[in-house]
Amino acid sequence: MKSLINIPEKMKALVLYGVGDLRVTEVDVPKLEKGTVLLKIKACGICSSDMPRCFVTGTYHFPTIPGHEFSGQIVAVGDDVDESLLGKRSCVFPMLPCKHCKACKMEEYAQCSGYSYFGSRQDGAWAEYLVVPVWNLVPFDDTLDYKTAALCEPAAVSMHAVNIGDIKEGQNVVIIGTGTIGFMIALFAKERTKTGKVVIAGRSKNKLEYAKKLGFDVVDTSVDDLPAQVKKIIGIDGADVTFEAVGSNEAIASAIESTGALGSIVLVGNPSTDLILPKNIYWSILRKQITVKGSWNSSYNSRVNDWKKALEVFEHSDVNFADLITHTFTIEENEKAFSAIRNTGEFTLKVMFTFDD
């Protein structure tokens, strides 16, 4: 093993011991294995999926250290790993595929049938250190700060969805959902359509005000009928491409009604309950011959790498993606972080844990 620092035996971590039982605890620093590096975590986002994972459903086992949207510095490498990685900054593709199933052999790792995952199926990055396979590293230059780089995971997921949507120049697009994913989909969609309309729909008034500042048309679904408002903004034909980033019966039905004939819908939202479509809504899919596509995670292979592309966008776009980070906290301040997320009256997009040197 080669290292930049003296590796401590213990580290602080925010550990999930049971549903709703999160505690900052001193735990062992994980040991390097073959083909791995030790990453000193600098920033890790709180994903919308982390809220039910921590407070409703739990993870796959307890205790677990959550956290899958992260970046850090490589401070140690295994004996079989290239020493030139020492000191480099990196974000991390959090999926650990089996590499043997049908999907893996096609390099479609997000569809792996036997994967593990940082932060849910195994310990993640709400901690000072994490051991990461070299294969999962997505290095970035010193010109990019750690917090912005930690947005690479939601950016890659959003870019993957936009790629599936296959937006053409001049097409009109609707995004239902005002979370980080929804905003990133909207920003990437705007680049693709150029001259077409991009509409963001949701219930959060402060997020919709922010969307207006970014130049998007908005619909407040808490007071307005979304399909009717979309047709006022876009035209009677409806959207060419609609992204559903909520995962609810209402949002999916609105997506179908807002999409025009021969249009397409990309389903991104992860539902928390069973979904039921009214017969008339289902008929609308048939009558308009709408194409419905699912989007899951991101592409990370030799043909398409949403992660590297997202980093390129961060480095060269006119959009300051760091503005999407509205709150940062230490893991000791985790109760404040979760309180901010739960507070519907407070403007939050990406809430993030940061770690001092």
Protein backbone atom coordinates (compact mmCIF):
# COMPACT_ATOMS: atom_id res chain seq x y z
CA MET A 1 0.00 0.00 0.00
CA LYS A 2 1.13 3.55 -0.81
CA SER A 3 -0.49 6.54 0.89
CA LEU A 4 -0.34 10.35 1.05
CA ILE A 5 -1.26 10.51 4.73
CA ASN A 6 -1.10 8.44 7.87
CA ILE A 7 -4.28 6.42 7.63
CA PRO A 8 -6.13 6.41 10.96
CA GLU A 9 -7.64 3.24 12.39
CA LYS A 10 -10.96 4.90 13.18
CA MET A 11 -13.23 7.41 11.40
CA LYS A 12 -16.47 9.24 12.03
CA ALA A 13 -19.53 8.06 10.09
CA LEU A 14 -23.27 8.70 10.09
CA VAL A 15 -24.54 5.16 10.61
CA LEU A 16 -28.08 3.85 10.12
CA TYR A 17 -28.72 1.31 12.89
CA GLY A 18 -32.43 0.89 12.13
CA VAL A 19 -35.30 2.77 10.55
CA GLY A 20 -35.04 6.33 11.85
CA ASP A 21 -32.01 5.48 14.00
CA LEU A 22 -29.10 7.52 12.60
CA ARG A 23 -26.08 8.13 14.79
CA VAL A 24 -22.67 9.69 14.30
CA THR A 25 -20.37 6.87 15.37
CA GLU A 26 -16.66 6.09 15.39
CA VAL A 27 -16.08 3.03 13.19
CA ASP A 28 -13.11 1.24 11.65
CA VAL A 29 -11.56 2.76 8.54
CA PRO A 30 -12.18 0.19 5.77
CA LYS A 31 -9.17 -1.81 4.58
CA LEU A 32 -7.79 -1.72 1.06
CA GLU A 33 -8.34 -4.80 -1.07
CA LYS A 34 -7.00 -5.84 -4.45
CA GLY A 35 -7.78 -3.27 -7.15
CA THR A 36 -9.04 -0.60 -4.73
CA VAL A 37 -8.16 2.85 -3.44
CA LEU A 38 -8.97 4.68 -0.21
CA LEU A 39 -10.99 7.80 -0.89
CA LYS A 40 -11.06 10.60 1.66
CA ILE A 41 -14.65 11.86 1.31
CA LYS A 42 -15.01 15.59 0.75
CA ALA A 43 -18.71 15.93 -0.14
CA CYS A 44 -21.74 13.64 -0.29
CA GLY A 45 -25.27 14.57 -1.28
CA ILE A 46 -28.49 13.50 0.39
CA CYS A 47 -30.55 11.88 -2.38
CA SER A 48 -34.35 11.97 -2.30
CA SER A 49 -34.15 8.16 -2.11
CA ASP A 50 -32.13 8.44 1.10
CA MET A 51 -35.11 9.88 2.99
CA PRO A 52 -37.36 6.80 2.75
CA ARG A 53 -34.29 4.57 2.97
CA CYS A 54 -33.35 6.08 6.33
CA PHE A 55 -36.75 6.88 7.80
CA VAL A 56 -39.34 4.53 6.24
CA THR A 57 -38.11 1.32 4.62
CA GLY A 58 -34.55 0.88 5.85
CA THR A 59 -31.56 -0.47 3.94
CA TYR A 60 -30.79 -4.10 3.08
CA HIS A 61 -29.09 -4.70 6.43
CA PHE A 62 -28.21 -2.87 9.63
CA PRO A 63 -25.99 -1.17 10.46
CA THR A 64 -25.36 0.61 7.15
CA ILE A 65 -23.57 3.82 6.26
CA PRO A 66 -25.73 5.54 3.59
CA GLY A 67 -24.51 7.92 0.87
CA HIS A 68 -24.03 7.33 -2.87
CA GLU A 69 -23.57 10.84 -4.38
CA PHE A 70 -20.00 11.68 -3.45
CA SER A 71 -16.56 12.93 -4.34
CA GLY A 72 -13.21 12.88 -2.61
CA GLN A 73 -9.44 12.59 -2.84
CA ILE A 74 -7.53 9.35 -3.34
CA VAL A 75 -5.20 9.14 -0.33
CA ALA A 76 -4.04 5.53 -0.56
CA VAL A 77 -3.79 2.82 -3.20
CA GLY A 78 -3.43 -0.95 -3.01
CA ASP A 79 -0.18 -2.64 -3.92
CA ASP A 80 -1.53 -3.60 -7.36
CA VAL A 81 -2.88 -0.11 -8.19
CA ASP A 82 -1.19 2.62 -10.23
CA GLU A 83 0.49 5.03 -7.78
CA SER A 84 -0.19 7.96 -10.11
CA LEU A 85 -3.77 7.94 -8.78
CA LEU A 86 -2.53 9.20 -5.41
CA GLY A 87 -3.78 12.72 -4.72
CA LYS A 88 -6.27 12.75 -7.58
CA ARG A 89 -9.83 13.97 -7.13
CA SER A 90 -12.59 11.59 -8.08
CA CYS A 91 -16.31 11.00 -7.96
CA VAL A 92 -17.56 7.42 -8.01
CA PHE A 93 -20.05 5.34 -9.99
CA PRO A 94 -21.83 3.81 -6.95
CA MET A 95 -23.01 0.56 -8.54
CA LEU A 96 -20.92 -2.57 -8.06
CA PRO A 97 -22.10 -4.95 -10.82
CA CYS A 98 -21.50 -8.67 -10.85
CA LYS A 99 -19.78 -8.45 -14.28
CA HIS A 100 -21.13 -11.93 -15.18
CA CYS A 101 -24.87 -11.64 -15.97
CA LYS A 102 -26.38 -10.99 -19.41
CA ALA A 103 -26.70 -7.23 -18.84
CA CYS A 104 -23.13 -6.92 -17.56
CA LYS A 105 -21.77 -8.77 -20.58
CA MET A 106 -23.54 -6.12 -22.69
CA GLU A 107 -21.95 -3.43 -20.46
CA GLU A 108 -25.44 -2.34 -19.38
CA TYR A 109 -24.42 -2.37 -15.75
CA ALA A 110 -27.47 -0.50 -14.43
CA GLN A 111 -29.52 -3.57 -15.39
CA CYS A 112 -27.23 -6.01 -13.57
CA SER A 113 -29.17 -8.82 -11.89
CA GLY A 114 -26.72 -9.31 -9.03
CA TYR A 115 -25.27 -5.94 -8.10
CA SER A 116 -24.27 -4.26 -4.87
CA TYR A 117 -24.52 -0.51 -4.28
CA PHE A 118 -22.69 1.97 -2.10
CA GLY A 119 -24.97 3.46 0.54
CA SER A 120 -27.76 0.89 0.46
CA ARG A 121 -26.53 -2.66 -0.10
CA GLN A 122 -23.11 -1.90 1.39
CA ASP A 123 -21.56 1.00 3.30
CA GLY A 124 -21.44 4.33 1.51
CA ALA A 125 -20.01 7.80 1.86
CA TRP A 126 -21.62 9.48 4.86
CA ALA A 127 -18.22 8.85 6.39
CA GLU A 128 -14.69 10.22 6.36
CA TYR A 129 -13.24 7.41 4.21
CA LEU A 130 -14.44 4.76 1.75
CA VAL A 131 -12.62 1.99 -0.11
CA VAL A 132 -13.53 2.09 -3.81
CA PRO A 133 -12.61 -0.21 -6.73
CA VAL A 134 -10.48 1.51 -9.37
CA TRP A 135 -13.08 0.54 -11.99
CA ASN A 136 -15.65 2.82 -10.29
CA LEU A 137 -13.46 5.93 -10.18
CA VAL A 138 -14.41 8.95 -12.29
CA PRO A 139 -11.47 11.37 -11.79
CA PHE A 140 -11.79 15.11 -12.36
CA ASP A 141 -9.45 18.08 -12.57
CA ASP A 142 -8.51 20.46 -9.78
CA THR A 143 -10.48 23.17 -11.61
CA LEU A 144 -13.70 21.57 -10.33
CA ASP A 145 -14.58 21.78 -6.64
CA TYR A 146 -15.59 18.72 -4.64
CA LYS A 147 -19.16 19.85 -3.94
CA THR A 148 -20.00 20.40 -7.60
CA ALA A 149 -18.35 17.09 -8.50
CA ALA A 150 -20.59 15.34 -5.96
CA LEU A 151 -23.50 16.38 -8.19
CA CYS A 152 -22.15 14.03 -10.86
CA GLU A 153 -24.42 11.16 -9.78
CA PRO A 154 -27.75 13.02 -10.18
CA ALA A 155 -26.34 14.70 -13.30
CA ALA A 156 -25.48 11.33 -14.87
CA VAL A 157 -28.93 9.96 -13.99
CA SER A 158 -30.55 13.05 -15.54
CA MET A 159 -28.39 12.93 -18.65
CA HIS A 160 -29.24 9.25 -19.10
CA ALA A 161 -32.96 10.08 -19.00
CA VAL A 162 -32.52 12.91 -21.50
CA ASN A 163 -30.60 10.57 -23.83
CA ILE A 164 -33.47 8.07 -23.62
CA GLY A 165 -35.90 10.90 -24.41
CA ASP A 166 -33.99 11.54 -27.65
CA ILE A 167 -35.04 15.20 -27.80
CA LYS A 168 -34.76 16.83 -31.22
CA GLU A 169 -34.10 20.50 -31.85
CA GLY A 170 -37.30 22.54 -31.66
CA GLN A 171 -39.30 19.93 -29.72
CA ASN A 172 -41.38 20.97 -26.73
CA VAL A 173 -40.57 19.30 -23.43
CA VAL A 174 -42.35 18.98 -20.08
CA ILE A 175 -40.66 17.93 -16.83
CA ILE A 176 -42.90 16.92 -13.92
CA GLY A 177 -40.95 17.19 -10.67
CA THR A 178 -38.89 19.93 -9.04
CA GLY A 179 -36.19 17.92 -7.33
CA THR A 180 -32.52 18.03 -8.30
CA ILE A 181 -33.13 15.40 -11.00
CA GLY A 182 -36.04 17.39 -12.45
CA PHE A 183 -33.98 20.57 -12.67
CA MET A 184 -31.01 18.82 -14.21
CA ILE A 185 -33.22 17.10 -16.79
CA ALA A 186 -34.64 20.52 -17.65
CA LEU A 187 -31.18 22.08 -18.04
CA PHE A 188 -29.96 19.26 -20.29
CA ALA A 189 -33.23 19.24 -22.25
CA LYS A 190 -32.91 22.97 -22.88
CA GLU A 191 -29.52 22.38 -24.50
CA ARG A 192 -31.01 19.69 -26.77
CA THR A 193 -34.19 21.42 -27.93
CA LYS A 194 -32.63 24.91 -28.25
CA THR A 195 -35.67 26.66 -29.74
CA GLY A 196 -38.43 24.51 -28.19
CA LYS A 197 -40.33 25.22 -24.99
CA VAL A 198 -39.24 23.58 -21.74
CA VAL A 199 -41.88 23.51 -18.99
CA ILE A 200 -41.20 22.55 -15.35
CA ALA A 201 -44.22 21.47 -13.30
CA GLY A 202 -44.48 20.93 -9.57
CA ARG A 203 -46.06 21.95 -6.27
CA SER A 204 -43.21 23.85 -4.61
CA LYS A 205 -43.73 27.57 -5.12
CA ASN A 206 -40.17 28.55 -4.20
CA LYS A 207 -38.72 25.95 -6.56
CA LEU A 208 -40.99 27.14 -9.36
CA GLU A 209 -39.83 30.71 -8.75
CA TYR A 210 -36.26 29.48 -9.07
CA ALA A 211 -37.19 27.71 -12.32
CA LYS A 212 -38.56 30.98 -13.68
CA LYS A 213 -35.25 32.68 -12.86
CA LEU A 214 -33.50 30.00 -14.91
CA GLY A 215 -35.73 30.90 -17.87
CA PHE A 216 -38.19 28.00 -17.80
CA ASP A 217 -41.96 28.13 -18.20
CA VAL A 218 -43.63 26.73 -15.08
CA VAL A 219 -46.92 25.21 -13.97
CA ASP A 220 -47.98 25.09 -10.32
CA THR A 221 -49.74 21.73 -10.12
CA SER A 222 -51.12 22.53 -6.65
CA VAL A 223 -53.50 25.07 -8.19
CA ASP A 224 -53.56 24.46 -11.96
CA ASP A 225 -54.56 21.57 -14.19
CA LEU A 226 -51.25 20.53 -15.74
CA PRO A 227 -52.47 19.21 -19.13
CA ALA A 228 -54.59 22.33 -19.70
CA GLN A 229 -51.73 24.67 -18.75
CA VAL A 230 -49.24 22.76 -20.90
CA LYS A 231 -51.51 23.19 -23.91
CA LYS A 232 -51.75 26.94 -23.18
CA ILE A 233 -47.97 27.25 -23.09
CA ILE A 234 -46.98 24.79 -25.81
CA GLY A 235 -50.10 24.53 -27.94
CA ILE A 236 -53.02 22.17 -28.32
CA ASP A 237 -50.79 19.36 -29.63
CA GLY A 238 -49.12 18.95 -26.23
CA ALA A 239 -45.54 17.98 -25.40
CA ASP A 240 -43.28 16.06 -27.75
CA VAL A 241 -41.33 14.58 -24.83
CA THR A 242 -42.44 14.44 -21.19
CA PHE A 243 -40.26 13.41 -18.24
CA GLU A 244 -42.06 12.13 -15.15
CA ALA A 245 -39.72 12.59 -12.17
CA VAL A 246 -42.10 12.12 -9.23
CA GLY A 247 -43.34 8.53 -9.31
CA SER A 248 -46.99 9.07 -8.35
CA ASN A 249 -50.32 8.10 -9.90
CA GLU A 250 -51.23 11.75 -10.41
CA ALA A 251 -47.91 12.71 -12.00
CA ILE A 252 -47.93 9.76 -14.41
CA ALA A 253 -51.55 10.44 -15.42
CA SER A 254 -50.70 14.12 -15.98
CA ALA A 255 -47.68 13.13 -18.06
CA ILE A 256 -49.88 10.99 -20.34
CA GLU A 257 -52.50 13.73 -20.69
CA SER A 258 -49.85 16.41 -21.35
CA THR A 259 -48.09 14.46 -24.10
CA GLY A 260 -49.18 14.93 -27.69
CA ALA A 261 -49.93 12.36 -30.37
CA LEU A 262 -46.89 10.21 -31.27
CA GLY A 263 -44.98 11.79 -28.40
CA SER A 264 -42.93 9.98 -25.79
CA ILE A 265 -42.82 9.77 -22.01
CA VAL A 266 -39.71 8.94 -20.00
CA LEU A 267 -40.49 7.56 -16.53
CA VAL A 268 -37.79 8.54 -14.04
CA GLY A 269 -39.64 8.89 -10.72
CA ASN A 270 -39.37 6.01 -8.24
CA PRO A 271 -42.84 5.23 -6.80
CA SER A 272 -43.34 4.55 -3.10
CA THR A 273 -46.65 2.72 -3.58
CA ASP A 274 -48.49 0.68 -6.20
CA LEU A 275 -49.62 2.58 -9.28
CA ILE A 276 -53.10 2.50 -10.80
CA LEU A 277 -54.02 4.08 -14.15
CA PRO A 278 -57.64 5.02 -14.89
CA LYS A 279 -58.99 3.36 -18.01
CA ASN A 280 -59.36 6.65 -19.91
CA ILE A 281 -55.74 7.58 -19.16
CA TYR A 282 -54.54 4.20 -20.42
CA TRP A 283 -56.66 4.61 -23.55
CA SER A 284 -54.91 7.93 -24.14
CA ILE A 285 -51.61 6.05 -24.54
CA LEU A 286 -53.20 3.83 -27.16
CA ARG A 287 -55.09 6.51 -29.06
CA LYS A 288 -52.15 8.91 -29.22
CA GLN A 289 -49.68 6.07 -29.79
CA ILE A 290 -47.46 7.43 -27.05
CA THR A 291 -44.12 5.69 -26.51
CA VAL A 292 -43.45 5.05 -22.82
CA LYS A 293 -39.83 4.47 -21.81
CA GLY A 294 -38.23 3.66 -18.49
CA SER A 295 -34.97 5.22 -17.31
CA TRP A 296 -32.86 3.69 -14.57
CA ASN A 297 -29.59 5.03 -13.18
CA SER A 298 -27.01 5.87 -15.85
CA SER A 299 -24.77 4.49 -18.59
CA TYR A 300 -21.20 3.72 -17.56
CA ASN A 301 -19.51 1.74 -20.31
CA SER A 302 -17.08 1.87 -23.21
CA ARG A 303 -19.76 3.25 -25.56
CA VAL A 304 -21.58 5.79 -23.39
CA ASN A 305 -20.30 7.25 -20.13
CA ASP A 306 -22.83 9.68 -18.67
CA TRP A 307 -20.45 10.37 -15.78
CA LYS A 308 -17.57 11.66 -17.87
CA LYS A 309 -20.00 13.65 -20.01
CA ALA A 310 -21.56 15.22 -16.90
CA LEU A 311 -18.13 16.33 -15.67
CA GLU A 312 -17.43 17.87 -19.08
CA VAL A 313 -20.70 19.79 -18.86
CA PHE A 314 -19.84 21.01 -15.35
CA GLU A 315 -16.48 22.29 -16.56
CA HIS A 316 -17.63 23.99 -19.77
CA SER A 317 -21.29 24.96 -19.37
CA ASP A 318 -22.45 28.53 -18.83
CA VAL A 319 -24.76 27.16 -16.12
CA ASN A 320 -23.35 27.30 -12.60
CA PHE A 321 -24.44 23.87 -11.39
CA ALA A 322 -23.10 24.64 -7.90
CA ASP A 323 -26.16 26.91 -7.48
CA LEU A 324 -28.25 23.75 -7.21
CA ILE A 325 -26.51 23.06 -3.87
CA THR A 326 -28.66 25.10 -1.49
CA HIS A 327 -27.47 23.71 1.87
CA THR A 328 -24.32 22.10 3.28
CA PHE A 329 -23.91 20.50 6.71
CA THR A 330 -21.45 18.33 8.59
CA ILE A 331 -22.60 14.83 9.51
CA GLU A 332 -22.83 16.05 13.12
CA GLU A 333 -25.48 18.49 11.87
CA ASN A 334 -27.54 15.74 10.22
CA GLU A 335 -30.74 16.58 12.11
CA LYS A 336 -30.60 20.13 10.70
CA ALA A 337 -30.02 18.72 7.22
CA PHE A 338 -33.03 16.42 7.33
CA SER A 339 -35.16 19.13 8.92
CA ALA A 340 -34.35 21.48 6.03
CA ILE A 341 -35.36 18.81 3.50
CA ARG A 342 -38.65 18.13 5.30
CA ASN A 343 -39.52 21.81 5.64
CA THR A 344 -41.74 22.50 2.63
CA GLY A 345 -41.57 26.22 3.31
CA GLU A 346 -37.78 26.30 2.93
CA PHE A 347 -36.12 26.42 -0.49
CA THR A 348 -33.97 23.31 -0.83
CA LEU A 349 -32.63 21.59 -3.90
CA LYS A 350 -29.49 19.62 -3.16
CA VAL A 351 -28.59 19.26 0.51
CA MET A 352 -25.09 17.97 1.05
CA PHE A 353 -22.75 16.74 3.76
CA THR A 354 -19.22 18.13 3.59
CA PHE A 355 -16.09 16.92 5.37
CA ASP A 356 -13.23 19.11 6.58
CA ASP A 357 -9.59 18.17 6.12
